[in-house]
Amino acid sequence: MQLHELIGYLAACLTTCSFVPQALHTFRTRDVSGISLGMYSVFTVGVALWLAYGLALAAWPIVVANAITLALAGTILGMKLVYSARRPD
């Protein structure tokens, strides 16, 4: 493995792992009140585009990290949409 690949895998691991505590908290508590719908929508689309970019380049650190992050962010975005709709005004 070359140095630039190692850097890519390390960066992918760190950024993806940093997202996991928020995801776990949201899954456990189902508390989406502090989550911005606009921010998560834009973030999720951005992650999907990074995934597409990684696939186009066959850059596996980008693909793996963004596939995992997209699954987590998409799930949280879905929870935000579902649980916000259920809240009484």
PDB file of N, CA and C in Angstrom:
ATOM      1  N   MET A   1       0.855  -1.177   0.000  1.00  0.00           N
ATOM      2  CA  MET A   1       0.000   0.000   0.000  1.00  0.00           C
ATOM      3  C   MET A   1       0.900   1.239   0.000  1.00  0.00           C
ATOM      4  N   GLN A   2       0.543   2.173  -0.844  1.00  0.00           N
ATOM      5  CA  GLN A   2       1.324   3.403  -0.940  1.00  0.00           C
ATOM      6  C   GLN A   2       0.879   4.395   0.130  1.00  0.00           C
ATOM      7  N   LEU A   3       1.730   5.369   0.400  1.00  0.00           N
ATOM      8  CA  LEU A   3       1.468   6.344   1.455  1.00  0.00           C
ATOM      9  C   LEU A   3       0.164   7.092   1.214  1.00  0.00           C
ATOM     10  N   HIS A   4      -0.093   7.514  -0.008  1.00  0.00           N
ATOM     11  CA  HIS A   4      -1.321   8.279  -0.260  1.00  0.00           C
ATOM     12  C   HIS A   4      -2.572   7.429  -0.038  1.00  0.00           C
ATOM     13  N   GLU A   5      -2.490   6.123  -0.283  1.00  0.00           N
ATOM     14  CA  GLU A   5      -3.618   5.238  -0.002  1.00  0.00           C
ATOM     15  C   GLU A   5      -3.829   5.084   1.501  1.00  0.00           C
ATOM     16  N   LEU A   6      -2.739   4.964   2.233  1.00  0.00           N
ATOM     17  CA  LEU A   6      -2.820   4.869   3.685  1.00  0.00           C
ATOM     18  C   LEU A   6      -3.447   6.133   4.274  1.00  0.00           C
ATOM     19  N   ILE A   7      -3.033   7.280   3.768  1.00  0.00           N
ATOM     20  CA  ILE A   7      -3.614   8.552   4.220  1.00  0.00           C
ATOM     21  C   ILE A   7      -5.108   8.578   3.917  1.00  0.00           C
ATOM     22  N   GLY A   8      -5.494   8.122   2.732  1.00  0.00           N
ATOM     23  CA  GLY A   8      -6.910   8.087   2.358  1.00  0.00           C
ATOM     24  C   GLY A   8      -7.722   7.191   3.268  1.00  0.00           C
ATOM     25  N   TYR A   9      -7.217   6.001   3.547  1.00  0.00           N
ATOM     26  CA  TYR A   9      -7.928   5.092   4.444  1.00  0.00           C
ATOM     27  C   TYR A   9      -8.022   5.637   5.862  1.00  0.00           C
ATOM     28  N   LEU A  10      -6.963   6.255   6.339  1.00  0.00           N
ATOM     29  CA  LEU A  10      -6.984   6.840   7.682  1.00  0.00           C
ATOM     30  C   LEU A  10      -7.990   7.990   7.753  1.00  0.00           C
ATOM     31  N   ALA A  11      -7.970   8.857   6.753  1.00  0.00           N
ATOM     32  CA  ALA A  11      -8.929   9.971   6.719  1.00  0.00           C
ATOM     33  C   ALA A  11     -10.356   9.446   6.646  1.00  0.00           C
ATOM     34  N   ALA A  12     -10.588   8.442   5.812  1.00  0.00           N
ATOM     35  CA  ALA A  12     -11.921   7.861   5.676  1.00  0.00           C
ATOM     36  C   ALA A  12     -12.388   7.254   6.996  1.00  0.00           C
ATOM     37  N   CYS A  13     -11.506   6.542   7.654  1.00  0.00           N
ATOM     38  CA  CYS A  13     -11.843   5.917   8.929  1.00  0.00           C
ATOM     39  C   CYS A  13     -12.183   6.967   9.988  1.00  0.00           C
ATOM     40  N   LEU A  14     -11.363   7.989  10.095  1.00  0.00           N
ATOM     41  CA  LEU A  14     -11.584   9.020  11.113  1.00  0.00           C
ATOM     42  C   LEU A  14     -12.871   9.801  10.875  1.00  0.00           C
ATOM     43  N   THR A  15     -13.105  10.230   9.634  1.00  0.00           N
ATOM     44  CA  THR A  15     -14.299  11.031   9.376  1.00  0.00           C
ATOM     45  C   THR A  15     -15.570  10.191   9.508  1.00  0.00           C
ATOM     46  N   THR A  16     -15.529   8.956   9.077  1.00  0.00           N
ATOM     47  CA  THR A  16     -16.699   8.098   9.210  1.00  0.00           C
ATOM     48  C   THR A  16     -16.942   7.754  10.675  1.00  0.00           C
ATOM     49  N   CYS A  17     -15.909   7.410  11.395  1.00  0.00           N
ATOM     50  CA  CYS A  17     -16.055   7.071  12.822  1.00  0.00           C
ATOM     51  C   CYS A  17     -16.536   8.266  13.641  1.00  0.00           C
ATOM     52  N   SER A  18     -16.168   9.475  13.245  1.00  0.00           N
ATOM     53  CA  SER A  18     -16.619  10.648  13.986  1.00  0.00           C
ATOM     54  C   SER A  18     -18.124  10.846  13.866  1.00  0.00           C
ATOM     55  N   PHE A  19     -18.716  10.298  12.831  1.00  0.00           N
ATOM     56  CA  PHE A  19     -20.151  10.426  12.607  1.00  0.00           C
ATOM     57  C   PHE A  19     -20.950   9.392  13.405  1.00  0.00           C
ATOM     58  N   VAL A  20     -20.337   8.294  13.774  1.00  0.00           N
ATOM     59  CA  VAL A  20     -21.033   7.184  14.425  1.00  0.00           C
ATOM     60  C   VAL A  20     -21.667   7.562  15.768  1.00  0.00           C
ATOM     61  N   PRO A  21     -21.016   8.295  16.674  1.00  0.00           N
ATOM     62  CA  PRO A  21     -21.676   8.613  17.950  1.00  0.00           C
ATOM     63  C   PRO A  21     -23.004   9.364  17.777  1.00  0.00           C
ATOM     64  N   GLN A  22     -23.054  10.322  16.853  1.00  0.00           N
ATOM     65  CA  GLN A  22     -24.307  11.040  16.609  1.00  0.00           C
ATOM     66  C   GLN A  22     -25.368  10.094  16.073  1.00  0.00           C
ATOM     67  N   ALA A  23     -24.976   9.231  15.163  1.00  0.00           N
ATOM     68  CA  ALA A  23     -25.926   8.274  14.598  1.00  0.00           C
ATOM     69  C   ALA A  23     -26.462   7.345  15.684  1.00  0.00           C
ATOM     70  N   LEU A  24     -25.582   6.797  16.506  1.00  0.00           N
ATOM     71  CA  LEU A  24     -26.018   5.896  17.584  1.00  0.00           C
ATOM     72  C   LEU A  24     -26.946   6.601  18.558  1.00  0.00           C
ATOM     73  N   HIS A  25     -26.612   7.829  18.908  1.00  0.00           N
ATOM     74  CA  HIS A  25     -27.456   8.612  19.822  1.00  0.00           C
ATOM     75  C   HIS A  25     -28.854   8.798  19.221  1.00  0.00           C
ATOM     76  N   THR A  26     -28.898   9.142  17.967  1.00  0.00           N
ATOM     77  CA  THR A  26     -30.187   9.360  17.304  1.00  0.00           C
ATOM     78  C   THR A  26     -30.973   8.058  17.202  1.00  0.00           C
ATOM     79  N   PHE A  27     -30.296   6.944  16.879  1.00  0.00           N
ATOM     80  CA  PHE A  27     -30.985   5.653  16.790  1.00  0.00           C
ATOM     81  C   PHE A  27     -31.561   5.244  18.141  1.00  0.00           C
ATOM     82  N   ARG A  28     -30.789   5.461  19.205  1.00  0.00           N
ATOM     83  CA  ARG A  28     -31.220   5.034  20.542  1.00  0.00           C
ATOM     84  C   ARG A  28     -32.361   5.883  21.084  1.00  0.00           C
ATOM     85  N   THR A  29     -32.227   7.204  20.950  1.00  0.00           N
ATOM     86  CA  THR A  29     -33.184   8.113  21.583  1.00  0.00           C
ATOM     87  C   THR A  29     -34.344   8.503  20.672  1.00  0.00           C
ATOM     88  N   ARG A  30     -34.153   8.375  19.383  1.00  0.00           N
ATOM     89  CA  ARG A  30     -35.117   8.829  18.377  1.00  0.00           C
ATOM     90  C   ARG A  30     -35.392  10.326  18.511  1.00  0.00           C
ATOM     91  N   ASP A  31     -34.469  11.024  19.156  1.00  0.00           N
ATOM     92  CA  ASP A  31     -34.585  12.472  19.331  1.00  0.00           C
ATOM     93  C   ASP A  31     -33.975  13.165  18.113  1.00  0.00           C
ATOM     94  N   VAL A  32     -34.822  13.749  17.310  1.00  0.00           N
ATOM     95  CA  VAL A  32     -34.361  14.439  16.106  1.00  0.00           C
ATOM     96  C   VAL A  32     -34.597  15.944  16.208  1.00  0.00           C
ATOM     97  N   SER A  33     -34.967  16.405  17.395  1.00  0.00           N
ATOM     98  CA  SER A  33     -35.324  17.814  17.554  1.00  0.00           C
ATOM     99  C   SER A  33     -34.154  18.755  17.285  1.00  0.00           C
ATOM    100  N   GLY A  34     -32.943  18.316  17.565  1.00  0.00           N
ATOM    101  CA  GLY A  34     -31.789  19.183  17.355  1.00  0.00           C
ATOM    102  C   GLY A  34     -31.140  19.028  15.990  1.00  0.00           C
ATOM    103  N   ILE A  35     -31.771  18.267  15.118  1.00  0.00           N
ATOM    104  CA  ILE A  35     -31.201  18.000  13.800  1.00  0.00           C
ATOM    105  C   ILE A  35     -31.859  18.911  12.775  1.00  0.00           C
ATOM    106  N   SER A  36     -31.049  19.607  12.021  1.00  0.00           N
ATOM    107  CA  SER A  36     -31.539  20.508  10.983  1.00  0.00           C
ATOM    108  C   SER A  36     -31.882  19.713   9.726  1.00  0.00           C
ATOM    109  N   LEU A  37     -33.135  19.800   9.299  1.00  0.00           N
ATOM    110  CA  LEU A  37     -33.565  19.100   8.089  1.00  0.00           C
ATOM    111  C   LEU A  37     -32.796  19.595   6.874  1.00  0.00           C
ATOM    112  N   GLY A  38     -32.616  20.896   6.774  1.00  0.00           N
ATOM    113  CA  GLY A  38     -31.876  21.464   5.640  1.00  0.00           C
ATOM    114  C   GLY A  38     -30.436  20.995   5.606  1.00  0.00           C
ATOM    115  N   MET A  39     -29.765  21.035   6.764  1.00  0.00           N
ATOM    116  CA  MET A  39     -28.365  20.637   6.832  1.00  0.00           C
ATOM    117  C   MET A  39     -28.206  19.165   6.480  1.00  0.00           C
ATOM    118  N   TYR A  40     -29.058  18.300   7.054  1.00  0.00           N
ATOM    119  CA  TYR A  40     -28.927  16.871   6.784  1.00  0.00           C
ATOM    120  C   TYR A  40     -29.289  16.518   5.346  1.00  0.00           C
ATOM    121  N   SER A  41     -30.213  17.262   4.769  1.00  0.00           N
ATOM    122  CA  SER A  41     -30.563  17.032   3.367  1.00  0.00           C
ATOM    123  C   SER A  41     -29.379  17.345   2.465  1.00  0.00           C
ATOM    124  N   VAL A  42     -28.790  18.505   2.663  1.00  0.00           N
ATOM    125  CA  VAL A  42     -27.638  18.912   1.852  1.00  0.00           C
ATOM    126  C   VAL A  42     -26.450  17.993   2.110  1.00  0.00           C
ATOM    127  N   PHE A  43     -26.215  17.659   3.374  1.00  0.00           N
ATOM    128  CA  PHE A  43     -25.110  16.777   3.734  1.00  0.00           C
ATOM    129  C   PHE A  43     -25.260  15.409   3.066  1.00  0.00           C
ATOM    130  N   THR A  44     -26.468  14.850   3.116  1.00  0.00           N
ATOM    131  CA  THR A  44     -26.702  13.523   2.544  1.00  0.00           C
ATOM    132  C   THR A  44     -26.496  13.529   1.029  1.00  0.00           C
ATOM    133  N   VAL A  45     -26.963  14.560   0.360  1.00  0.00           N
ATOM    134  CA  VAL A  45     -26.733  14.667  -1.082  1.00  0.00           C
ATOM    135  C   VAL A  45     -25.237  14.821  -1.365  1.00  0.00           C
ATOM    136  N   GLY A  46     -24.553  15.613  -0.556  1.00  0.00           N
ATOM    137  CA  GLY A  46     -23.104  15.780  -0.725  1.00  0.00           C
ATOM    138  C   GLY A  46     -22.358  14.468  -0.556  1.00  0.00           C
ATOM    139  N   VAL A  47     -22.725  13.694   0.437  1.00  0.00           N
ATOM    140  CA  VAL A  47     -22.085  12.394   0.655  1.00  0.00           C
ATOM    141  C   VAL A  47     -22.367  11.458  -0.523  1.00  0.00           C
ATOM    142  N   ALA A  48     -23.588  11.486  -1.041  1.00  0.00           N
ATOM    143  CA  ALA A  48     -23.920  10.663  -2.206  1.00  0.00           C
ATOM    144  C   ALA A  48     -23.057  11.050  -3.410  1.00  0.00           C
ATOM    145  N   LEU A  49     -22.829  12.335  -3.578  1.00  0.00           N
ATOM    146  CA  LEU A  49     -21.977  12.797  -4.679  1.00  0.00           C
ATOM    147  C   LEU A  49     -20.518  12.388  -4.467  1.00  0.00           C
ATOM    148  N   TRP A  50     -20.037  12.444  -3.221  1.00  0.00           N
ATOM    149  CA  TRP A  50     -18.679  11.964  -2.936  1.00  0.00           C
ATOM    150  C   TRP A  50     -18.568  10.473  -3.240  1.00  0.00           C
ATOM    151  N   LEU A  51     -19.609   9.724  -2.928  1.00  0.00           N
ATOM    152  CA  LEU A  51     -19.622   8.300  -3.237  1.00  0.00           C
ATOM    153  C   LEU A  51     -19.548   8.079  -4.750  1.00  0.00           C
ATOM    154  N   ALA A  52     -20.339   8.829  -5.502  1.00  0.00           N
ATOM    155  CA  ALA A  52     -20.308   8.717  -6.964  1.00  0.00           C
ATOM    156  C   ALA A  52     -18.928   9.087  -7.506  1.00  0.00           C
ATOM    157  N   TYR A  53     -18.340  10.115  -6.946  1.00  0.00           N
ATOM    158  CA  TYR A  53     -16.991  10.537  -7.352  1.00  0.00           C
ATOM    159  C   TYR A  53     -15.972   9.437  -7.069  1.00  0.00           C
ATOM    160  N   GLY A  54     -16.047   8.858  -5.887  1.00  0.00           N
ATOM    161  CA  GLY A  54     -15.146   7.762  -5.527  1.00  0.00           C
ATOM    162  C   GLY A  54     -15.312   6.564  -6.443  1.00  0.00           C
ATOM    163  N   LEU A  55     -16.551   6.253  -6.787  1.00  0.00           N
ATOM    164  CA  LEU A  55     -16.802   5.150  -7.715  1.00  0.00           C
ATOM    165  C   LEU A  55     -16.230   5.450  -9.095  1.00  0.00           C
ATOM    166  N   ALA A  56     -16.393   6.685  -9.553  1.00  0.00           N
ATOM    167  CA  ALA A  56     -15.878   7.070 -10.869  1.00  0.00           C
ATOM    168  C   ALA A  56     -14.357   6.949 -10.927  1.00  0.00           C
ATOM    169  N   LEU A  57     -13.706   7.241  -9.816  1.00  0.00           N
ATOM    170  CA  LEU A  57     -12.240   7.165  -9.761  1.00  0.00           C
ATOM    171  C   LEU A  57     -11.736   5.803  -9.304  1.00  0.00           C
ATOM    172  N   ALA A  58     -12.651   4.942  -8.875  1.00  0.00           N
ATOM    173  CA  ALA A  58     -12.285   3.676  -8.248  1.00  0.00           C
ATOM    174  C   ALA A  58     -11.361   3.916  -7.058  1.00  0.00           C
ATOM    175  N   ALA A  59     -11.682   4.957  -6.301  1.00  0.00           N
ATOM    176  CA  ALA A  59     -10.919   5.330  -5.108  1.00  0.00           C
ATOM    177  C   ALA A  59     -11.613   4.696  -3.902  1.00  0.00           C
ATOM    178  N   TRP A  60     -11.160   3.521  -3.519  1.00  0.00           N
ATOM    179  CA  TRP A  60     -11.877   2.721  -2.532  1.00  0.00           C
ATOM    180  C   TRP A  60     -11.970   3.342  -1.151  1.00  0.00           C
ATOM    181  N   PRO A  61     -10.994   4.110  -0.665  1.00  0.00           N
ATOM    182  CA  PRO A  61     -11.207   4.770   0.629  1.00  0.00           C
ATOM    183  C   PRO A  61     -12.400   5.735   0.581  1.00  0.00           C
ATOM    184  N   ILE A  62     -12.541   6.445  -0.526  1.00  0.00           N
ATOM    185  CA  ILE A  62     -13.661   7.375  -0.681  1.00  0.00           C
ATOM    186  C   ILE A  62     -14.967   6.598  -0.791  1.00  0.00           C
ATOM    187  N   VAL A  63     -14.965   5.528  -1.535  1.00  0.00           N
ATOM    188  CA  VAL A  63     -16.174   4.721  -1.725  1.00  0.00           C
ATOM    189  C   VAL A  63     -16.639   4.125  -0.402  1.00  0.00           C
ATOM    190  N   VAL A  64     -15.749   3.464   0.308  1.00  0.00           N
ATOM    191  CA  VAL A  64     -16.134   2.793   1.559  1.00  0.00           C
ATOM    192  C   VAL A  64     -16.624   3.795   2.591  1.00  0.00           C
ATOM    193  N   ALA A  65     -15.865   4.856   2.801  1.00  0.00           N
ATOM    194  CA  ALA A  65     -16.240   5.841   3.819  1.00  0.00           C
ATOM    195  C   ALA A  65     -17.582   6.479   3.495  1.00  0.00           C
ATOM    196  N   ASN A  66     -17.773   6.845   2.249  1.00  0.00           N
ATOM    197  CA  ASN A  66     -19.011   7.536   1.905  1.00  0.00           C
ATOM    198  C   ASN A  66     -20.203   6.602   1.799  1.00  0.00           C
ATOM    199  N   ALA A  67     -19.989   5.349   1.483  1.00  0.00           N
ATOM    200  CA  ALA A  67     -21.096   4.386   1.497  1.00  0.00           C
ATOM    201  C   ALA A  67     -21.613   4.206   2.926  1.00  0.00           C
ATOM    202  N   ILE A  68     -20.696   4.064   3.871  1.00  0.00           N
ATOM    203  CA  ILE A  68     -21.095   3.915   5.276  1.00  0.00           C
ATOM    204  C   ILE A  68     -21.763   5.186   5.783  1.00  0.00           C
ATOM    205  N   THR A  69     -21.142   6.340   5.504  1.00  0.00           N
ATOM    206  CA  THR A  69     -21.695   7.613   5.964  1.00  0.00           C
ATOM    207  C   THR A  69     -23.045   7.885   5.317  1.00  0.00           C
ATOM    208  N   LEU A  70     -23.189   7.545   4.041  1.00  0.00           N
ATOM    209  CA  LEU A  70     -24.477   7.746   3.370  1.00  0.00           C
ATOM    210  C   LEU A  70     -25.568   6.897   4.025  1.00  0.00           C
ATOM    211  N   ALA A  71     -25.251   5.671   4.379  1.00  0.00           N
ATOM    212  CA  ALA A  71     -26.238   4.820   5.051  1.00  0.00           C
ATOM    213  C   ALA A  71     -26.651   5.424   6.393  1.00  0.00           C
ATOM    214  N   LEU A  72     -25.681   5.898   7.160  1.00  0.00           N
ATOM    215  CA  LEU A  72     -25.989   6.502   8.460  1.00  0.00           C
ATOM    216  C   LEU A  72     -26.756   7.809   8.298  1.00  0.00           C
ATOM    217  N   ALA A  73     -26.267   8.690   7.441  1.00  0.00           N
ATOM    218  CA  ALA A  73     -26.906   9.996   7.252  1.00  0.00           C
ATOM    219  C   ALA A  73     -28.295   9.836   6.647  1.00  0.00           C
ATOM    220  N   GLY A  74     -28.437   8.915   5.695  1.00  0.00           N
ATOM    221  CA  GLY A  74     -29.752   8.685   5.097  1.00  0.00           C
ATOM    222  C   GLY A  74     -30.755   8.170   6.108  1.00  0.00           C
ATOM    223  N   THR A  75     -30.304   7.307   6.991  1.00  0.00           N
ATOM    224  CA  THR A  75     -31.187   6.786   8.032  1.00  0.00           C
ATOM    225  C   THR A  75     -31.607   7.894   8.991  1.00  0.00           C
ATOM    226  N   ILE A  76     -30.655   8.723   9.395  1.00  0.00           N
ATOM    227  CA  ILE A  76     -30.976   9.834  10.297  1.00  0.00           C
ATOM    228  C   ILE A  76     -31.908  10.824   9.599  1.00  0.00           C
ATOM    229  N   LEU A  77     -31.659  11.114   8.335  1.00  0.00           N
ATOM    230  CA  LEU A  77     -32.541  12.005   7.584  1.00  0.00           C
ATOM    231  C   LEU A  77     -33.947  11.418   7.512  1.00  0.00           C
ATOM    232  N   GLY A  78     -34.034  10.127   7.259  1.00  0.00           N
ATOM    233  CA  GLY A  78     -35.343   9.472   7.241  1.00  0.00           C
ATOM    234  C   GLY A  78     -36.043   9.563   8.584  1.00  0.00           C
ATOM    235  N   MET A  79     -35.283   9.353   9.665  1.00  0.00           N
ATOM    236  CA  MET A  79     -35.854   9.470  11.006  1.00  0.00           C
ATOM    237  C   MET A  79     -36.341  10.891  11.258  1.00  0.00           C
ATOM    238  N   LYS A  80     -35.575  11.870  10.817  1.00  0.00           N
ATOM    239  CA  LYS A  80     -35.973  13.269  10.980  1.00  0.00           C
ATOM    240  C   LYS A  80     -37.299  13.518  10.276  1.00  0.00           C
ATOM    241  N   LEU A  81     -37.435  13.018   9.058  1.00  0.00           N
ATOM    242  CA  LEU A  81     -38.676  13.210   8.313  1.00  0.00           C
ATOM    243  C   LEU A  81     -39.854  12.502   8.973  1.00  0.00           C
ATOM    244  N   VAL A  82     -39.649  11.272   9.418  1.00  0.00           N
ATOM    245  CA  VAL A  82     -40.736  10.489  10.020  1.00  0.00           C
ATOM    246  C   VAL A  82     -41.116  11.034  11.389  1.00  0.00           C
ATOM    247  N   TYR A  83     -40.132  11.220  12.263  1.00  0.00           N
ATOM    248  CA  TYR A  83     -40.443  11.618  13.628  1.00  0.00           C
ATOM    249  C   TYR A  83     -40.855  13.069  13.730  1.00  0.00           C
ATOM    250  N   SER A  84     -40.388  13.929  12.853  1.00  0.00           N
ATOM    251  CA  SER A  84     -40.847  15.319  12.868  1.00  0.00           C
ATOM    252  C   SER A  84     -42.288  15.411  12.411  1.00  0.00           C
ATOM    253  N   ALA A  85     -42.700  14.557  11.494  1.00  0.00           N
ATOM    254  CA  ALA A  85     -44.084  14.563  11.000  1.00  0.00           C
ATOM    255  C   ALA A  85     -45.046  14.070  12.079  1.00  0.00           C
ATOM    256  N   ARG A  86     -44.569  13.233  12.992  1.00  0.00           N
ATOM    257  CA  ARG A  86     -45.428  12.677  14.044  1.00  0.00           C
ATOM    258  C   ARG A  86     -45.622  13.622  15.231  1.00  0.00           C
ATOM    259  N   ARG A  87     -44.743  14.624  15.345  1.00  0.00           N
ATOM    260  CA  ARG A  87     -44.826  15.536  16.499  1.00  0.00           C
ATOM    261  C   ARG A  87     -46.037  16.429  16.382  1.00  0.00           C
ATOM    262  N   PRO A  88     -46.786  16.566  17.453  1.00  0.00           N
ATOM    263  CA  PRO A  88     -47.923  17.509  17.419  1.00  0.00           C
ATOM    264  C   PRO A  88     -47.402  18.940  17.449  1.00  0.00           C
ATOM    265  N   ASP A  89     -48.097  19.816  16.773  1.00  0.00           N
ATOM    266  CA  ASP A  89     -47.690  21.237  16.750  1.00  0.00           C
ATOM    267  C   ASP A  89     -48.169  21.978  17.977  1.00  0.00           C
TER     268      ASP A  89
END
